[in-house]
């Protein structure tokens, strides 16, 4: 199937920036929408941002104007640039990709990477 390899994340002070990346790989698959979700302790997983293969983006209201999602279709890689980070952005961020293989759609998830915003 599809493997998602995430990189980035870590600890940053409020107001700082971090970037995440996620590369999708798989045989005989086409990658559709990619994106990022996050889950904070005691909360449900929520959408952060998604980008279609045509580069149509969608953002959670809480990150609009601060986060930017982009992708490189040739590399099947999605990026998330996070600026002006706030303590409430602290969460485990998981990469997501939609994939198609022989006409069958699958949802794929990365292992998650911790983002901590704290002074």
C-alpha atoms as a PDB file:
ATOM      1  CA  UNK A   1       0.000   0.000   0.000  1.00  0.00           C
ATOM      2  CA  UNK A   2       1.109   3.550   0.718  1.00  0.00           C
ATOM      3  CA  UNK A   3       3.769   4.513   3.196  1.00  0.00           C
ATOM      4  CA  UNK A   4       3.880   8.035   4.613  1.00  0.00           C
ATOM      5  CA  UNK A   5       7.168   9.246   6.037  1.00  0.00           C
ATOM      6  CA  UNK A   6       6.940  12.418   8.096  1.00  0.00           C
ATOM      7  CA  UNK A   7       9.695  14.762   9.164  1.00  0.00           C
ATOM      8  CA  UNK A   8       9.863  17.968  11.111  1.00  0.00           C
ATOM      9  CA  UNK A   9       8.127  18.966  14.292  1.00  0.00           C
ATOM     10  CA  UNK A  10       9.685  19.542  17.678  1.00  0.00           C
ATOM     11  CA  UNK A  11       9.683  22.231  20.348  1.00  0.00           C
ATOM     12  CA  UNK A  12       9.294  25.918  19.557  1.00  0.00           C
ATOM     13  CA  UNK A  13       8.522  29.057  21.518  1.00  0.00           C
ATOM     14  CA  UNK A  14       5.234  30.900  21.018  1.00  0.00           C
ATOM     15  CA  UNK A  15       5.433  33.068  17.935  1.00  0.00           C
ATOM     16  CA  UNK A  16       7.989  30.811  16.334  1.00  0.00           C
ATOM     17  CA  UNK A  17       7.866  28.706  13.187  1.00  0.00           C
ATOM     18  CA  UNK A  18       8.158  25.046  12.296  1.00  0.00           C
ATOM     19  CA  UNK A  19       7.797  23.095   9.109  1.00  0.00           C
ATOM     20  CA  UNK A  20       6.580  19.572   8.493  1.00  0.00           C
ATOM     21  CA  UNK A  21       6.947  17.401   5.448  1.00  0.00           C
ATOM     22  CA  UNK A  22       5.482  14.061   4.463  1.00  0.00           C
ATOM     23  CA  UNK A  23       6.455  11.858   1.537  1.00  0.00           C
ATOM     24  CA  UNK A  24       4.116   9.212   0.191  1.00  0.00           C
ATOM     25  CA  UNK A  25       5.355   6.119  -1.567  1.00  0.00           C
ATOM     26  CA  UNK A  26       3.693   3.039  -2.958  1.00  0.00           C
ATOM     27  CA  UNK A  27       3.579   0.795  -6.016  1.00  0.00           C
ATOM     28  CA  UNK A  28       0.858   1.122  -8.608  1.00  0.00           C
ATOM     29  CA  UNK A  29      -0.906   3.891  -6.713  1.00  0.00           C
ATOM     30  CA  UNK A  30      -1.968   7.402  -7.504  1.00  0.00           C
ATOM     31  CA  UNK A  31      -2.007   9.944  -4.726  1.00  0.00           C
ATOM     32  CA  UNK A  32      -4.983  12.237  -4.319  1.00  0.00           C
ATOM     33  CA  UNK A  33      -5.654  14.720  -1.565  1.00  0.00           C
ATOM     34  CA  UNK A  34      -2.912  15.068   1.037  1.00  0.00           C
ATOM     35  CA  UNK A  35      -2.972  16.931   4.284  1.00  0.00           C
ATOM     36  CA  UNK A  36      -2.374  17.218   7.981  1.00  0.00           C
ATOM     37  CA  UNK A  37      -4.514  16.474  10.992  1.00  0.00           C
ATOM     38  CA  UNK A  38      -3.669  16.986  14.634  1.00  0.00           C
ATOM     39  CA  UNK A  39      -4.719  15.618  17.977  1.00  0.00           C
ATOM     40  CA  UNK A  40      -4.081  17.334  21.282  1.00  0.00           C
ATOM     41  CA  UNK A  41      -4.263  15.465  24.590  1.00  0.00           C
ATOM     42  CA  UNK A  42      -7.858  14.856  25.588  1.00  0.00           C
ATOM     43  CA  UNK A  43      -9.218  16.152  22.304  1.00  0.00           C
ATOM     44  CA  UNK A  44     -10.467  14.623  19.095  1.00  0.00           C
ATOM     45  CA  UNK A  45      -8.368  14.592  15.955  1.00  0.00           C
ATOM     46  CA  UNK A  46      -9.046  17.643  13.827  1.00  0.00           C
ATOM     47  CA  UNK A  47      -8.242  18.746  10.318  1.00  0.00           C
ATOM     48  CA  UNK A  48      -5.432  21.264  10.016  1.00  0.00           C
ATOM     49  CA  UNK A  49      -5.110  21.642   6.266  1.00  0.00           C
ATOM     50  CA  UNK A  50      -5.505  19.672   3.071  1.00  0.00           C
ATOM     51  CA  UNK A  51      -4.407  20.161  -0.523  1.00  0.00           C
ATOM     52  CA  UNK A  52      -5.740  18.398  -3.586  1.00  0.00           C
ATOM     53  CA  UNK A  53      -3.643  17.207  -6.504  1.00  0.00           C
ATOM     54  CA  UNK A  54      -4.815  20.393  -8.264  1.00  0.00           C
ATOM     55  CA  UNK A  55      -3.449  22.448  -5.349  1.00  0.00           C
ATOM     56  CA  UNK A  56      -6.830  23.453  -3.970  1.00  0.00           C
ATOM     57  CA  UNK A  57      -6.299  24.091  -0.289  1.00  0.00           C
ATOM     58  CA  UNK A  58      -8.498  23.955   2.789  1.00  0.00           C
ATOM     59  CA  UNK A  59      -7.598  25.185   6.253  1.00  0.00           C
ATOM     60  CA  UNK A  60      -9.046  25.007   9.725  1.00  0.00           C
ATOM     61  CA  UNK A  61     -10.225  28.451  10.817  1.00  0.00           C
ATOM     62  CA  UNK A  62      -7.806  28.328  13.736  1.00  0.00           C
ATOM     63  CA  UNK A  63      -4.742  28.200  11.456  1.00  0.00           C
ATOM     64  CA  UNK A  64      -5.804  30.391   8.538  1.00  0.00           C
ATOM     65  CA  UNK A  65      -3.259  33.118   7.884  1.00  0.00           C
ATOM     66  CA  UNK A  66      -0.597  31.345   9.958  1.00  0.00           C
ATOM     67  CA  UNK A  67      -0.132  27.955   8.300  1.00  0.00           C
ATOM     68  CA  UNK A  68       0.554  27.235   4.642  1.00  0.00           C
ATOM     69  CA  UNK A  69       0.153  23.848   3.016  1.00  0.00           C
ATOM     70  CA  UNK A  70       1.765  22.966  -0.288  1.00  0.00           C
ATOM     71  CA  UNK A  71       2.721  19.882  -2.243  1.00  0.00           C
ATOM     72  CA  UNK A  72       5.126  18.612  -4.844  1.00  0.00           C
ATOM     73  CA  UNK A  73       3.237  16.169  -7.027  1.00  0.00           C
ATOM     74  CA  UNK A  74       6.402  14.861  -8.673  1.00  0.00           C
ATOM     75  CA  UNK A  75       7.664  13.804  -5.250  1.00  0.00           C
ATOM     76  CA  UNK A  76       4.251  12.944  -3.728  1.00  0.00           C
ATOM     77  CA  UNK A  77       5.259  15.154  -0.843  1.00  0.00           C
ATOM     78  CA  UNK A  78       3.166  17.539   1.204  1.00  0.00           C
ATOM     79  CA  UNK A  79       4.537  20.372   3.286  1.00  0.00           C
ATOM     80  CA  UNK A  80       3.125  22.402   6.162  1.00  0.00           C
ATOM     81  CA  UNK A  81       4.750  25.685   7.073  1.00  0.00           C
ATOM     82  CA  UNK A  82       3.580  26.813  10.499  1.00  0.00           C
ATOM     83  CA  UNK A  83       4.186  30.414  11.513  1.00  0.00           C
ATOM     84  CA  UNK A  84       3.190  32.462  14.546  1.00  0.00           C
ATOM     85  CA  UNK A  85       2.698  29.287  16.515  1.00  0.00           C
ATOM     86  CA  UNK A  86       0.576  29.356  19.653  1.00  0.00           C
ATOM     87  CA  UNK A  87       0.531  27.057  22.686  1.00  0.00           C
ATOM     88  CA  UNK A  88      -2.853  25.771  21.521  1.00  0.00           C
ATOM     89  CA  UNK A  89      -1.163  24.433  18.376  1.00  0.00           C
ATOM     90  CA  UNK A  90       0.559  21.828  20.546  1.00  0.00           C
ATOM     91  CA  UNK A  91      -0.491  18.395  19.318  1.00  0.00           C
ATOM     92  CA  UNK A  92       0.577  15.282  17.482  1.00  0.00           C
ATOM     93  CA  UNK A  93       0.411  16.119  13.789  1.00  0.00           C
ATOM     94  CA  UNK A  94      -0.357  13.273  11.416  1.00  0.00           C
ATOM     95  CA  UNK A  95       0.031  13.235   7.677  1.00  0.00           C
ATOM     96  CA  UNK A  96      -2.864  11.989   5.572  1.00  0.00           C
ATOM     97  CA  UNK A  97      -3.091  10.934   1.972  1.00  0.00           C
ATOM     98  CA  UNK A  98      -5.855   9.632  -0.210  1.00  0.00           C
ATOM     99  CA  UNK A  99      -4.688   7.003  -2.679  1.00  0.00           C
ATOM    100  CA  UNK A 100      -6.154   5.054  -5.550  1.00  0.00           C
ATOM    101  CA  UNK A 101      -5.009   1.594  -6.602  1.00  0.00           C
ATOM    102  CA  UNK A 102      -6.821  -0.379  -9.281  1.00  0.00           C
ATOM    103  CA  UNK A 103      -9.868   1.813  -8.804  1.00  0.00           C
ATOM    104  CA  UNK A 104     -10.005   1.340  -5.040  1.00  0.00           C
ATOM    105  CA  UNK A 105      -9.686   4.337  -2.736  1.00  0.00           C
ATOM    106  CA  UNK A 106      -7.704   4.116   0.475  1.00  0.00           C
ATOM    107  CA  UNK A 107      -7.024   6.511   3.341  1.00  0.00           C
ATOM    108  CA  UNK A 108      -3.453   6.457   4.580  1.00  0.00           C
ATOM    109  CA  UNK A 109      -1.930   7.885   7.758  1.00  0.00           C
ATOM    110  CA  UNK A 110       1.561   8.677   8.940  1.00  0.00           C
ATOM    111  CA  UNK A 111       2.879   7.726  12.359  1.00  0.00           C
ATOM    112  CA  UNK A 112       2.516  11.260  13.706  1.00  0.00           C
ATOM    113  CA  UNK A 113       5.016  13.841  14.846  1.00  0.00           C
ATOM    114  CA  UNK A 114       4.899  15.910  18.017  1.00  0.00           C
ATOM    115  CA  UNK A 115       4.688  19.687  17.828  1.00  0.00           C
ATOM    116  CA  UNK A 116       5.068  21.475  21.144  1.00  0.00           C
ATOM    117  CA  UNK A 117       4.699  25.234  21.484  1.00  0.00           C
ATOM    118  CA  UNK A 118       5.926  26.386  24.854  1.00  0.00           C
ATOM    119  CA  UNK A 119       8.166  28.953  26.473  1.00  0.00           C
END
